[in-house]
Protein backbone atom coordinates (compact mmCIF):
# COMPACT_ATOMS: atom_id res chain seq x y z
CA MET A 1 -18.87 15.04 9.55
CA GLU A 2 -16.74 16.52 6.77
CA SER A 3 -13.51 15.45 8.51
CA TYR A 4 -14.67 11.82 8.64
CA ILE A 5 -15.59 11.85 4.94
CA ILE A 6 -12.16 13.24 4.05
CA LEU A 7 -10.45 10.67 6.28
CA GLU A 8 -12.41 7.82 4.67
CA GLU A 9 -11.50 9.01 1.16
CA LYS A 10 -7.82 9.29 2.10
CA LEU A 11 -7.87 5.76 3.50
CA LYS A 12 -9.46 4.52 0.28
CA LEU A 13 -6.86 6.31 -1.88
CA LYS A 14 -4.03 4.97 0.28
CA LYS A 15 -5.38 1.42 -0.15
CA ILE A 16 -5.32 1.81 -3.96
CA LYS A 17 -1.76 3.15 -3.97
CA LEU A 18 -0.41 0.45 -1.66
CA SER A 19 -2.18 -2.27 -3.64
CA LYS A 20 -0.45 -1.01 -6.79
CA LEU A 21 2.86 -1.03 -4.93
CA ASP A 22 2.16 -4.59 -3.79
CA ASP A 23 1.59 -5.66 -7.42
CA ASP A 24 4.88 -4.04 -8.47
CA LEU A 25 6.78 -5.77 -5.66
CA ARG A 26 5.38 -9.16 -6.60
CA LEU A 27 6.53 -8.67 -10.21
CA THR A 28 9.97 -7.67 -8.92
CA LYS A 29 10.05 -10.76 -6.72
CA GLU A 30 9.30 -12.98 -9.73
CA LYS A 31 12.16 -11.35 -11.65
CA PHE A 32 14.63 -11.97 -8.82
CA GLN A 33 13.41 -15.54 -8.41
CA LYS A 34 13.98 -16.22 -12.12
CA GLY A 35 17.49 -14.71 -11.95
CA MET A 36 18.26 -16.78 -8.86
CA ASN A 37 17.17 -20.01 -10.57
CA ASP A 38 19.06 -19.17 -13.77
CA ASN A 39 22.35 -18.68 -11.87
CA LYS A 40 22.26 -21.54 -9.38
CA GLY A 41 25.16 -23.28 -11.08
CA GLU A 42 27.56 -20.33 -11.30
CA THR A 43 31.21 -20.98 -10.40
CA VAL A 44 33.19 -18.74 -8.04
CA ASN A 45 36.87 -18.44 -7.13
CA SER A 46 38.48 -18.32 -3.70
CA GLU A 47 37.34 -14.68 -3.24
CA ASP A 48 33.74 -15.64 -3.98
CA VAL A 49 33.90 -13.81 -7.32
CA SER A 50 32.12 -15.52 -10.19
CA SER A 51 33.48 -15.99 -13.70
CA THR A 52 30.89 -13.48 -15.00
CA ALA A 53 31.66 -10.75 -12.45
CA SER A 54 31.65 -7.20 -13.81
CA LEU A 55 31.81 -3.60 -12.70
CA TYR A 56 29.22 -1.44 -14.46
CA VAL A 57 29.90 2.30 -14.60
CA THR A 58 27.66 5.07 -15.91
CA LEU A 59 29.40 8.42 -16.33
CA LEU A 60 26.62 10.96 -15.77
CA HIS A 61 28.02 14.48 -15.43
CA ALA A 62 30.51 16.75 -13.66
CA LYS A 63 30.30 20.23 -12.24
CA ASP A 64 32.48 23.01 -10.82
CA LEU A 65 35.50 21.82 -12.83
CA LYS A 66 38.65 23.93 -12.80
CA PRO A 67 39.04 26.30 -15.81
CA MET A 68 41.92 25.10 -17.99
CA ASP A 69 42.18 27.61 -20.85
CA MET A 70 42.37 31.36 -21.43
CA ASN A 71 38.60 31.51 -21.99
CA GLY A 72 37.97 30.30 -18.43
CA SER A 73 36.58 27.00 -19.71
CA SER A 74 37.69 23.42 -20.37
CA ASN A 75 37.30 20.49 -22.79
CA PRO A 76 36.93 17.65 -20.31
CA TYR A 77 36.91 13.89 -20.83
CA VAL A 78 37.26 11.01 -18.38
CA ILE A 79 39.61 8.02 -18.29
CA PHE A 80 38.68 4.96 -16.20
CA LYS A 81 41.38 2.49 -15.15
CA LEU A 82 40.77 -0.83 -13.43
CA GLY A 83 43.83 -3.07 -13.16
CA THR A 84 45.18 -3.33 -16.69
CA GLN A 85 41.90 -2.23 -18.25
CA LYS A 86 41.26 1.28 -19.52
CA ALA A 87 38.25 3.11 -20.99
CA THR A 88 37.91 6.69 -22.22
CA SER A 89 34.82 8.86 -22.55
CA SER A 90 34.09 11.40 -25.25
CA PHE A 91 35.28 14.96 -24.62
CA LYS A 92 32.91 17.87 -24.15
CA PRO A 93 34.10 21.17 -25.61
CA SER A 94 34.10 24.49 -23.76
CA THR A 95 32.28 23.59 -20.56
CA LEU A 96 32.90 23.32 -16.85
CA GLU A 97 29.72 21.31 -16.31
CA PRO A 98 29.82 18.50 -18.90
CA ILE A 99 27.04 15.94 -19.32
CA TRP A 100 27.98 12.50 -20.70
CA ASN A 101 25.45 9.75 -19.82
CA GLU A 102 27.88 7.11 -21.13
CA ASP A 103 28.09 3.47 -19.99
CA PHE A 104 31.18 1.30 -19.40
CA SER A 105 31.75 -2.22 -18.11
CA PHE A 106 34.84 -4.02 -16.82
CA PRO A 107 35.24 -7.78 -16.28
CA VAL A 108 36.49 -8.46 -12.74
CA ASN A 109 38.07 -11.50 -11.05
CA THR A 110 38.97 -10.01 -7.66
CA LYS A 111 37.53 -7.55 -5.14
CA ASN A 112 40.97 -6.14 -4.29
CA LEU A 113 41.11 -3.52 -7.00
CA ASP A 114 40.60 0.24 -7.15
CA LEU A 115 38.71 2.04 -9.91
CA LEU A 116 40.84 5.03 -10.87
CA VAL A 117 38.86 7.94 -12.32
CA GLU A 118 40.77 10.75 -14.03
CA VAL A 119 39.33 13.92 -15.54
CA TRP A 120 41.47 15.36 -18.32
CA THR A 121 41.13 18.39 -20.55
CA HIS A 122 41.61 18.18 -24.30
CA GLY A 123 43.95 21.00 -25.37
CA ARG A 124 43.00 23.06 -28.41
CA PHE A 125 46.48 22.65 -29.88
CA GLY A 126 47.04 19.03 -28.83
CA GLY A 127 48.17 19.43 -25.20
CA GLU A 128 46.50 17.20 -22.59
CA GLU A 129 46.33 18.17 -18.92
CA ILE A 130 44.82 16.37 -15.96
CA GLN A 131 42.14 18.26 -14.01
CA GLY A 132 41.49 15.87 -11.14
CA ARG A 133 41.35 12.24 -10.09
CA LEU A 134 39.87 9.93 -7.47
CA LYS A 135 40.01 6.26 -6.40
CA ILE A 136 37.05 4.00 -5.62
CA PRO A 137 37.90 0.64 -3.95
CA LEU A 138 35.76 -2.24 -5.24
CA ASN A 139 35.46 -3.47 -1.64
CA ASP A 140 33.35 -0.38 -0.97
CA LEU A 141 30.85 -1.72 -3.54
CA SER A 142 30.81 -5.34 -2.34
CA ASN A 143 27.18 -5.22 -1.16
CA GLN A 144 26.27 -5.43 -4.89
CA MET A 145 23.86 -2.51 -4.55
CA LYS A 146 23.55 0.03 -7.34
CA ILE A 147 24.70 3.44 -6.15
CA GLU A 148 24.58 6.90 -7.68
CA ARG A 149 26.50 9.69 -6.01
CA ASP A 150 28.72 12.74 -6.44
CA PHE A 151 32.45 12.10 -5.96
CA GLN A 152 34.80 14.92 -5.02
CA LEU A 153 37.90 15.16 -7.20
CA GLU A 154 41.23 15.50 -5.38
CA GLY A 155 42.25 19.08 -4.69
CA ASP A 156 38.66 20.37 -4.72
CA ASN A 157 38.75 20.52 -8.50
CA GLY A 158 35.04 19.81 -8.88
CA THR A 159 32.74 16.83 -8.54
CA ILE A 160 31.87 13.97 -10.87
CA THR A 161 28.62 11.99 -10.69
CA LEU A 162 28.78 8.24 -11.31
CA ARG A 163 26.37 5.33 -11.17
CA LEU A 164 28.17 2.16 -10.06
CA HIS A 165 27.18 -1.48 -9.78
CA PHE A 166 29.75 -4.13 -8.83
CA LEU A 167 28.09 -7.45 -9.63
CA TYR A 168 30.52 -10.16 -8.49
CA SER A 169 27.95 -12.98 -7.97
CA LYS A 170 24.67 -12.96 -9.87
CA TYR A 171 23.25 -15.78 -7.77
CA LYS A 172 23.97 -13.92 -4.51
CA TYR A 173 22.62 -10.70 -5.99
CA TYR A 174 19.31 -12.22 -7.10
CA SER A 175 18.86 -14.39 -3.97
CA SER A 176 19.54 -11.54 -1.51
CA ASN A 177 17.16 -9.25 -3.39
CA PHE A 178 14.56 -12.02 -3.53
CA ILE A 179 14.68 -12.35 0.28
CA LYS A 180 14.61 -8.56 0.70
CA THR A 181 11.59 -8.24 -1.61
CA GLU A 182 9.73 -10.92 0.34
CA ALA A 183 10.34 -8.89 3.52
CA GLN A 184 9.11 -5.75 1.74
CA ILE A 185 5.91 -7.51 0.73
CA LEU A 186 5.30 -8.72 4.29
CA ARG A 187 5.73 -5.20 5.71
CA LEU A 188 3.50 -3.80 2.99
CA GLN A 189 0.85 -6.41 3.70
CA GLU A 190 0.83 -5.30 7.35
CA ASP A 191 0.04 -1.76 6.23
CA ILE A 192 -2.65 -2.94 3.81
CA HIS A 193 -4.25 -5.12 6.50
CA GLU A 194 -4.26 -2.19 8.93
CA LEU A 195 -5.78 0.11 6.29
CA ASN A 196 -8.52 -2.44 5.54
CA ARG A 197 -9.36 -2.71 9.23
CA TYR A 198 -9.70 1.06 9.59
CA TYR A 199 -11.64 1.36 6.33
CA ASP A 200 -14.12 -1.35 7.38
CA LEU A 201 -14.92 0.59 10.55
CA PHE A 202 -16.36 3.41 8.43
CA HIS A 203 -19.00 0.97 7.16
CA ILE A 204 -20.22 0.21 10.70
CA PRO A 205 -22.48 2.98 12.05
CA PHE A 206 -20.26 5.10 14.33
CA GLY A 207 -17.73 2.24 14.21
CA ILE A 208 -14.73 4.56 13.98
CA LEU A 209 -15.98 6.34 17.12
CA ILE A 210 -17.10 3.33 19.13
CA TYR A 211 -13.81 1.52 18.69
CA GLY A 212 -11.83 4.71 19.31
CA GLU A 213 -9.65 4.46 16.19
CA ILE A 214 -9.61 8.10 15.05
CA ASN A 215 -6.79 8.89 17.43
CA SER A 216 -5.03 5.66 16.48
CA ILE A 217 -5.05 6.52 12.76
CA LEU A 218 -3.58 9.96 13.42
CA ASP A 219 -0.99 8.77 15.97
CA LYS A 220 0.29 5.92 13.78
CA LYS A 221 0.46 8.27 10.77
CA ILE A 222 -0.54 5.43 8.48
CA LEU A 223 -1.67 7.91 5.81
CA GLN A 224 1.75 9.54 5.86
CA ARG A 225 3.81 6.44 5.17
CA SER A 226 5.75 6.48 1.96
CA GLU A 227 4.52 4.67 -1.14
CA ASP A 228 8.05 4.28 -2.47
CA ILE A 229 9.43 0.73 -2.77
CA ASN A 230 12.83 1.81 -1.44
CA SER A 231 11.25 3.07 1.78
CA TYR A 232 9.96 -0.39 2.57
CA ALA A 233 13.41 -1.80 1.77
CA ALA A 234 15.28 0.49 4.10
CA THR A 235 13.54 0.15 7.44
CA SER A 236 10.60 -1.06 9.46
CA ARG A 237 7.17 0.13 8.40
CA ARG A 238 6.69 1.84 11.77
CA SER A 239 9.35 4.44 10.97
CA VAL A 240 8.67 5.05 7.27
CA TYR A 241 6.92 8.40 7.12
CA MET A 242 6.49 11.19 4.65
CA SER A 243 6.01 14.83 5.56
CA PRO A 244 4.07 15.29 8.84
CA ASN A 245 1.99 17.94 7.06
CA PHE A 246 0.45 15.34 4.70
CA LEU A 247 -2.76 14.96 6.69
CA LYS A 248 -4.50 18.33 6.94
CA ALA A 249 -8.15 17.30 7.23
CA PRO A 250 -10.32 19.89 9.02
CA LYS A 251 -11.14 18.86 12.57
CA GLY A 252 -14.90 19.04 13.16
CA PHE A 253 -16.97 19.09 16.34
CA ALA A 254 -16.89 15.32 16.80
CA PHE A 255 -13.08 15.28 16.70
CA LYS A 256 -12.90 18.11 19.25
CA LEU A 257 -15.39 16.32 21.52
CA GLU A 258 -13.26 13.19 21.41
CA SER A 259 -10.20 15.24 22.32
CA VAL A 260 -12.06 16.78 25.28
CA ILE A 261 -13.09 13.34 26.56
CA LYS A 262 -9.60 11.95 26.08
CA GLY A 263 -8.09 14.93 27.88
CA THR A 264 -10.57 14.57 30.75
CA PHE A 265 -9.70 10.92 31.33
CA ARG A 266 -6.00 11.16 30.41
CA LYS A 267 -4.85 10.23 33.93
CA SER A 268 -7.24 7.33 34.32
CA ASN A 269 -6.55 3.68 33.54
CA VAL A 270 -9.47 3.52 31.10
CA GLU A 271 -8.53 2.35 27.61
CA TRP A 272 -9.15 4.86 24.78
CA SER A 273 -11.68 2.50 23.15
CA TYR A 274 -13.96 3.17 26.13
CA TYR A 275 -13.83 6.96 25.73
CA SER A 276 -15.98 6.81 22.61
CA LEU A 277 -18.37 4.40 24.35
CA ILE A 278 -18.73 6.89 27.20
CA MET A 279 -19.52 9.61 24.67
CA MET A 280 -22.06 7.45 22.81
CA TYR A 281 -23.87 6.36 25.96
CA SER A 282 -23.90 9.95 27.21
CA VAL A 283 -25.57 11.08 23.97
CA LEU A 284 -28.07 8.21 24.27
CA ILE A 285 -28.99 9.09 27.86
CA CYS A 286 -29.33 12.80 27.08
CA SER A 287 -31.51 11.99 24.07
CA ALA A 288 -33.71 9.70 26.13
CA ILE A 289 -34.18 12.36 28.84
CA SER A 290 -35.14 14.97 26.25
CA LEU A 291 -37.80 12.63 24.79
CA ILE A 292 -39.52 11.65 28.05
CA GLY A 293 -43.19 12.37 27.66
CA ARG A 294 -43.28 11.75 23.93
CA SER A 295 -44.70 8.70 22.22
CA ASP A 296 -41.45 7.76 20.43
CA PHE A 297 -39.37 7.73 23.63
CA VAL A 298 -39.49 3.99 24.25
CA GLY A 299 -39.13 3.12 20.55
CA LEU A 300 -36.02 5.25 20.13
CA PHE A 301 -34.49 4.10 23.40
CA LEU A 302 -35.00 0.40 22.66
CA GLY A 303 -33.92 0.77 19.02
CA VAL A 304 -30.62 2.47 19.85
CA ALA A 305 -29.97 0.04 22.70
CA LEU A 306 -30.51 -2.91 20.35
CA TRP A 307 -28.21 -1.33 17.76
CA ILE A 308 -25.42 -0.82 20.33
CA LEU A 309 -25.86 -4.41 21.51
CA PHE A 310 -25.49 -5.65 17.94
CA ILE A 311 -22.37 -3.69 16.95
CA ASN A 312 -20.62 -4.56 20.22
CA ASP A 313 -21.21 -8.28 19.70
CA LYS A 314 -17.79 -9.42 18.47
CA ASN A 315 -19.04 -12.77 17.18
CA LYS A 316 -22.27 -11.81 15.37
CA MET A 317 -22.89 -15.52 14.92
CA ASP A 318 -26.62 -15.72 15.63
CA ILE A 319 -28.25 -13.18 13.33
CA LEU A 320 -31.67 -14.75 13.94
CA LYS A 321 -31.42 -13.73 17.58
CA TYR A 322 -31.13 -10.07 16.58
CA LEU A 323 -33.97 -10.35 14.06
CA LYS A 324 -36.24 -11.75 16.78
CA LEU A 325 -35.23 -8.97 19.15
CA LEU A 326 -35.88 -6.42 16.41
CA LEU A 327 -39.38 -7.83 15.75
CA TYR A 328 -40.18 -7.87 19.48
CA THR A 329 -38.94 -4.27 19.75
CA ILE A 330 -41.13 -3.11 16.84
CA LEU A 331 -44.15 -4.95 18.27
CA PHE A 332 -43.62 -3.49 21.72
CA THR A 333 -43.19 0.07 20.42
CA ILE A 334 -46.41 -0.22 18.35
CA ILE A 335 -48.32 -1.31 21.44
CA TYR A 336 -46.69 1.40 23.55
CA ASP A 337 -47.38 4.17 20.99
CA SER A 338 -51.00 3.05 20.63
CA ALA A 339 -51.52 3.07 24.37
CA TRP A 340 -49.80 6.47 24.67
CA LEU A 341 -52.11 7.99 22.02
CA ALA A 342 -55.19 6.43 23.63
CA ILE A 343 -54.28 7.84 27.06
CA HIS A 344 -53.24 11.34 25.99
CA TYR A 345 -55.76 12.04 23.22
CA ASN A 346 -58.59 9.65 24.05
CA VAL A 347 -58.10 7.91 20.71
CA ASN A 348 -59.95 4.64 20.29
CA ILE A 349 -57.45 2.44 18.47
CA PHE A 350 -59.68 -0.68 18.33
């Protein structure tokens, strides 16, 4: 019983988290839609580069730089060159692992350029010496996605971490992200719909057992799927998982009994949804046999049978039919119990 309670609570928590993610995605979609509408009239050249195209660079930090002075340290700064444009960062004294967090932007009118990145050291007595360099072709950034990565300087002279965003067409950027966000929302809605279906089964007596969904929840790993927006952007929802150790609910007797039944019928053609039905009917029959000779035998048997009939009715359209059956069942069991008492204990019930 404890394992089912834990599973229900985890489903409920997952629903809350994914609903929050859905709200965030819808706000993001509105932002992209506004940007798309605002840039519908942008002009582009023969290379599909707009008049407002820019390369945005954030210089974050560097590490493992080559020592350049007698103290085994350096005074590094960075020079960016793009075509005829040039930008220089501040220098950081006496460090081989400088941190800058400085932003730069370069207007661009073609994709056929290379961003040249040079790391220099500022000499104590005025001498300047280059420590390392690298080239980044703008064509490598033409998907207009923001990237952040470590770049190796030539000659293994350390690494430099940059955040880059080549935005050559705002309309294309906003429209492609608008379409991508719509796809994210659709995949997320599939997960939310599946979670709601599983969660609703917990509010039907033995519903999660009768419909055989315990195994389905665990096999699909729906509780282990990431709640990060980027995970829904990257791939299909069926392959977006977190750590397989996420779900560690204790497995009680009911779970083990299901596993035994499933293992017993594993080579049969019976669908898994019937395994739980077999278990439920077996429990019902065993209970009925144990109650033979007692006054509540017929009442219990008919009551459970009526309950199973009701929850297996997919339509549930005629509720009056079940109310009538329930009244007839109660009336019959009262008559039966009265007769049973009269016969066994010579009780005059009239």
